[in-house]
Amino acid sequence: MTGRYRLTSVETVRDEGSWLFTVRDERGSDEEVVLVPCVDPDQPAVEAWVNRCTHEAQRLHRDGIGAVIRDGGIVCPKHGSIFDTCSGYCDNGEAAETTLVSVDVTVDDGQVYLTDDEVDFLYEGGIDDDDDDDGPSSTSHLRL
């Protein structure tokens, strides 16, 4: 599939907090991928993860909001599980002991490139899904 495709800059990912794009895998399925900044000096400046919580198929990056990043972690909007931006690992909440699915990217001279041989870049942004509403489904029993 794709050898190397320029996605965006590290500066853009840092400024926006996250950056979403869509790929097609070897089976012909489209998948959203989210780029997030990584602050670990031993890791690349940006990491890419499939835009889906490991507990339920909840999007981590949402249109108009982006991904919620807190203390170096991506927060699942449904249950609050937090995935490390650098490793994708979660050690709390409903998704504890799981790791996000990674997508290979390379940073070269401040630019982020898709280098995963198992996917092809389709476009910037997410998949238009009519079944998705403006927010996460809630498991809360609170009524306001």
C-alpha atoms as a PDB file:
ATOM      1  CA  MET A   1       0.000   0.000   0.000  1.00  0.00           C
ATOM      2  CA  THR A   2       1.290   3.546   0.610  1.00  0.00           C
ATOM      3  CA  GLY A   3       5.024   3.985   1.157  1.00  0.00           C
ATOM      4  CA  ARG A   4       5.063   7.483   2.667  1.00  0.00           C
ATOM      5  CA  TYR A   5       2.403  10.187   2.622  1.00  0.00           C
ATOM      6  CA  ARG A   6       2.731  13.647   4.205  1.00  0.00           C
ATOM      7  CA  LEU A   7      -0.146  14.242   6.618  1.00  0.00           C
ATOM      8  CA  THR A   8       0.508  17.498   8.465  1.00  0.00           C
ATOM      9  CA  SER A   9       3.100  19.172  10.648  1.00  0.00           C
ATOM     10  CA  VAL A  10       4.008  18.423  14.257  1.00  0.00           C
ATOM     11  CA  GLU A  11       3.265  22.091  14.998  1.00  0.00           C
ATOM     12  CA  THR A  12      -0.308  21.711  13.708  1.00  0.00           C
ATOM     13  CA  VAL A  13      -0.910  18.633  15.873  1.00  0.00           C
ATOM     14  CA  ARG A  14       0.456  20.436  18.937  1.00  0.00           C
ATOM     15  CA  ASP A  15      -1.510  23.633  18.212  1.00  0.00           C
ATOM     16  CA  GLU A  16      -4.794  21.809  17.600  1.00  0.00           C
ATOM     17  CA  GLY A  17      -4.236  19.144  20.285  1.00  0.00           C
ATOM     18  CA  SER A  18      -5.097  16.331  17.842  1.00  0.00           C
ATOM     19  CA  TRP A  19      -5.509  15.831  14.090  1.00  0.00           C
ATOM     20  CA  LEU A  20      -7.908  13.388  12.430  1.00  0.00           C
ATOM     21  CA  PHE A  21      -7.613  11.577   9.114  1.00  0.00           C
ATOM     22  CA  THR A  22      -9.173   8.570   7.403  1.00  0.00           C
ATOM     23  CA  VAL A  23      -7.433   5.549   5.902  1.00  0.00           C
ATOM     24  CA  ARG A  24      -8.465   2.394   4.054  1.00  0.00           C
ATOM     25  CA  ASP A  25      -7.025  -0.898   5.264  1.00  0.00           C
ATOM     26  CA  GLU A  26      -6.051  -3.987   3.254  1.00  0.00           C
ATOM     27  CA  ARG A  27      -9.578  -5.424   3.595  1.00  0.00           C
ATOM     28  CA  GLY A  28     -11.116  -2.282   2.079  1.00  0.00           C
ATOM     29  CA  SER A  29     -12.486  -0.946   5.371  1.00  0.00           C
ATOM     30  CA  ASP A  30     -12.250   2.758   6.147  1.00  0.00           C
ATOM     31  CA  GLU A  31     -10.899   3.717   9.561  1.00  0.00           C
ATOM     32  CA  GLU A  32     -10.402   7.015  11.377  1.00  0.00           C
ATOM     33  CA  VAL A  33      -6.963   7.696  12.824  1.00  0.00           C
ATOM     34  CA  VAL A  34      -6.073  10.399  15.325  1.00  0.00           C
ATOM     35  CA  LEU A  35      -2.648  12.021  15.629  1.00  0.00           C
ATOM     36  CA  VAL A  36      -1.775  13.239  19.125  1.00  0.00           C
ATOM     37  CA  PRO A  37       1.290  14.960  20.538  1.00  0.00           C
ATOM     38  CA  CYS A  38       3.661  12.848  22.610  1.00  0.00           C
ATOM     39  CA  VAL A  39       5.790  14.623  25.223  1.00  0.00           C
ATOM     40  CA  ASP A  40       8.064  11.682  26.093  1.00  0.00           C
ATOM     41  CA  PRO A  41      11.575  12.671  24.903  1.00  0.00           C
ATOM     42  CA  ASP A  42      12.333   9.006  24.087  1.00  0.00           C
ATOM     43  CA  GLN A  43       9.326   8.768  21.723  1.00  0.00           C
ATOM     44  CA  PRO A  44       8.447  10.458  18.422  1.00  0.00           C
ATOM     45  CA  ALA A  45       6.833  13.897  18.790  1.00  0.00           C
ATOM     46  CA  VAL A  46       3.518  12.568  17.436  1.00  0.00           C
ATOM     47  CA  GLU A  47       1.764   9.201  17.651  1.00  0.00           C
ATOM     48  CA  ALA A  48      -1.161   7.823  15.614  1.00  0.00           C
ATOM     49  CA  TRP A  49      -3.967   5.690  17.001  1.00  0.00           C
ATOM     50  CA  VAL A  50      -7.143   4.243  15.521  1.00  0.00           C
ATOM     51  CA  ASN A  51      -9.865   6.625  16.695  1.00  0.00           C
ATOM     52  CA  ARG A  52     -11.718   4.090  18.826  1.00  0.00           C
ATOM     53  CA  CYS A  53     -11.785   3.254  22.526  1.00  0.00           C
ATOM     54  CA  THR A  54     -10.812  -0.353  23.204  1.00  0.00           C
ATOM     55  CA  HIS A  55     -13.722  -0.837  25.610  1.00  0.00           C
ATOM     56  CA  GLU A  56     -16.473   0.159  23.189  1.00  0.00           C
ATOM     57  CA  ALA A  57     -16.350   1.565  19.680  1.00  0.00           C
ATOM     58  CA  GLN A  58     -16.494   5.108  21.056  1.00  0.00           C
ATOM     59  CA  ARG A  59     -14.679   7.784  19.042  1.00  0.00           C
ATOM     60  CA  LEU A  60     -11.885   9.489  20.980  1.00  0.00           C
ATOM     61  CA  HIS A  61     -11.602  12.448  18.571  1.00  0.00           C
ATOM     62  CA  ARG A  62     -14.938  14.120  17.864  1.00  0.00           C
ATOM     63  CA  ASP A  63     -15.818  16.644  15.152  1.00  0.00           C
ATOM     64  CA  GLY A  64     -15.688  20.185  16.430  1.00  0.00           C
ATOM     65  CA  ILE A  65     -14.073  19.125  19.715  1.00  0.00           C
ATOM     66  CA  GLY A  66     -11.012  17.069  18.843  1.00  0.00           C
ATOM     67  CA  ALA A  67      -9.554  14.589  21.302  1.00  0.00           C
ATOM     68  CA  VAL A  68      -9.604  15.540  24.963  1.00  0.00           C
ATOM     69  CA  ILE A  69      -6.013  15.349  26.198  1.00  0.00           C
ATOM     70  CA  ARG A  70      -5.317  15.560  29.929  1.00  0.00           C
ATOM     71  CA  ASP A  71      -1.971  14.989  31.649  1.00  0.00           C
ATOM     72  CA  GLY A  72      -0.506  13.182  28.632  1.00  0.00           C
ATOM     73  CA  GLY A  73      -3.544  10.977  28.075  1.00  0.00           C
ATOM     74  CA  ILE A  74      -6.451  10.746  25.622  1.00  0.00           C
ATOM     75  CA  VAL A  75      -9.711  10.712  27.587  1.00  0.00           C
ATOM     76  CA  CYS A  76     -12.542   8.484  26.366  1.00  0.00           C
ATOM     77  CA  PRO A  77     -15.644  10.703  26.337  1.00  0.00           C
ATOM     78  CA  LYS A  78     -17.961   7.863  27.350  1.00  0.00           C
ATOM     79  CA  HIS A  79     -16.361   6.224  30.388  1.00  0.00           C
ATOM     80  CA  GLY A  80     -13.374   8.450  31.170  1.00  0.00           C
ATOM     81  CA  SER A  81     -10.676   5.828  30.561  1.00  0.00           C
ATOM     82  CA  ILE A  82      -7.374   7.551  29.787  1.00  0.00           C
ATOM     83  CA  PHE A  83      -4.952   6.230  27.152  1.00  0.00           C
ATOM     84  CA  ASP A  84      -1.313   7.356  27.245  1.00  0.00           C
ATOM     85  CA  THR A  85      -0.670   9.505  24.161  1.00  0.00           C
ATOM     86  CA  CYS A  86       2.782   7.964  23.638  1.00  0.00           C
ATOM     87  CA  SER A  87       2.092   4.258  24.239  1.00  0.00           C
ATOM     88  CA  GLY A  88      -1.689   3.992  23.771  1.00  0.00           C
ATOM     89  CA  TYR A  89      -1.891   2.001  27.009  1.00  0.00           C
ATOM     90  CA  CYS A  90      -4.763   2.438  29.483  1.00  0.00           C
ATOM     91  CA  ASP A  91      -4.428   1.533  33.143  1.00  0.00           C
ATOM     92  CA  ASN A  92      -7.790   2.763  34.446  1.00  0.00           C
ATOM     93  CA  GLY A  93     -11.543   2.611  33.998  1.00  0.00           C
ATOM     94  CA  GLU A  94     -13.510   0.347  31.692  1.00  0.00           C
ATOM     95  CA  ALA A  95     -10.629   0.057  29.187  1.00  0.00           C
ATOM     96  CA  ALA A  96      -7.958  -0.834  31.785  1.00  0.00           C
ATOM     97  CA  GLU A  97      -5.172  -3.177  30.669  1.00  0.00           C
ATOM     98  CA  THR A  98      -5.749  -2.488  26.959  1.00  0.00           C
ATOM     99  CA  THR A  99      -3.806  -0.566  24.307  1.00  0.00           C
ATOM    100  CA  LEU A 100      -5.101   1.476  21.392  1.00  0.00           C
ATOM    101  CA  VAL A 101      -4.447   0.141  17.890  1.00  0.00           C
ATOM    102  CA  SER A 102      -1.446   1.957  16.433  1.00  0.00           C
ATOM    103  CA  VAL A 103      -0.875   3.270  12.931  1.00  0.00           C
ATOM    104  CA  ASP A 104       2.716   3.832  11.789  1.00  0.00           C
ATOM    105  CA  VAL A 105       3.783   7.419  11.241  1.00  0.00           C
ATOM    106  CA  THR A 106       7.217   9.010  10.952  1.00  0.00           C
ATOM    107  CA  VAL A 107       8.286  12.512  11.862  1.00  0.00           C
ATOM    108  CA  ASP A 108      10.904  14.057   9.588  1.00  0.00           C
ATOM    109  CA  ASP A 109      11.980  17.699   9.832  1.00  0.00           C
ATOM    110  CA  GLY A 110       8.794  18.682  11.680  1.00  0.00           C
ATOM    111  CA  GLN A 111       6.493  16.971   9.170  1.00  0.00           C
ATOM    112  CA  VAL A 112       4.333  13.919   9.937  1.00  0.00           C
ATOM    113  CA  TYR A 113       4.196  11.136   7.352  1.00  0.00           C
ATOM    114  CA  LEU A 114       1.939   8.096   7.160  1.00  0.00           C
ATOM    115  CA  THR A 115       4.320   5.137   6.768  1.00  0.00           C
ATOM    116  CA  ASP A 116       2.028   2.206   7.619  1.00  0.00           C
ATOM    117  CA  ASP A 117       2.161  -0.337   4.773  1.00  0.00           C
ATOM    118  CA  GLU A 118      -1.215  -1.776   5.801  1.00  0.00           C
ATOM    119  CA  VAL A 119      -3.278   1.359   5.094  1.00  0.00           C
ATOM    120  CA  ASP A 120      -3.765   4.021   2.411  1.00  0.00           C
ATOM    121  CA  PHE A 121      -4.503   7.674   3.179  1.00  0.00           C
ATOM    122  CA  LEU A 122      -7.968   8.725   2.005  1.00  0.00           C
ATOM    123  CA  TYR A 123      -8.547  12.243   3.364  1.00  0.00           C
ATOM    124  CA  GLU A 124      -8.166  14.638   6.268  1.00  0.00           C
ATOM    125  CA  GLY A 125     -11.032  14.435   8.751  1.00  0.00           C
ATOM    126  CA  GLY A 126     -13.343  11.667   9.844  1.00  0.00           C
ATOM    127  CA  ILE A 127     -15.850   9.359   8.260  1.00  0.00           C
ATOM    128  CA  ASP A 128     -19.266  10.960   7.855  1.00  0.00           C
ATOM    129  CA  ASP A 129     -21.412   8.641   9.972  1.00  0.00           C
ATOM    130  CA  ASP A 130     -25.125   9.476  10.085  1.00  0.00           C
ATOM    131  CA  ASP A 131     -25.576   7.137  13.071  1.00  0.00           C
ATOM    132  CA  ASP A 132     -23.244   9.263  15.216  1.00  0.00           C
ATOM    133  CA  ASP A 133     -24.795  12.088  17.191  1.00  0.00           C
ATOM    134  CA  ASP A 134     -23.014  15.138  18.512  1.00  0.00           C
ATOM    135  CA  GLY A 135     -21.811  13.501  21.714  1.00  0.00           C
ATOM    136  CA  PRO A 136     -20.956  10.198  23.299  1.00  0.00           C
ATOM    137  CA  SER A 137     -23.708   7.923  24.422  1.00  0.00           C
ATOM    138  CA  SER A 138     -23.920   8.053  28.175  1.00  0.00           C
ATOM    139  CA  THR A 139     -24.179   5.379  30.800  1.00  0.00           C
ATOM    140  CA  SER A 140     -25.024   7.930  33.468  1.00  0.00           C
ATOM    141  CA  HIS A 141     -28.308   7.675  35.351  1.00  0.00           C
ATOM    142  CA  LEU A 142     -28.226  11.369  36.279  1.00  0.00           C
ATOM    143  CA  ARG A 143     -31.026  13.553  35.023  1.00  0.00           C
ATOM    144  CA  LEU A 144     -30.795  17.324  34.939  1.00  0.00           C
END
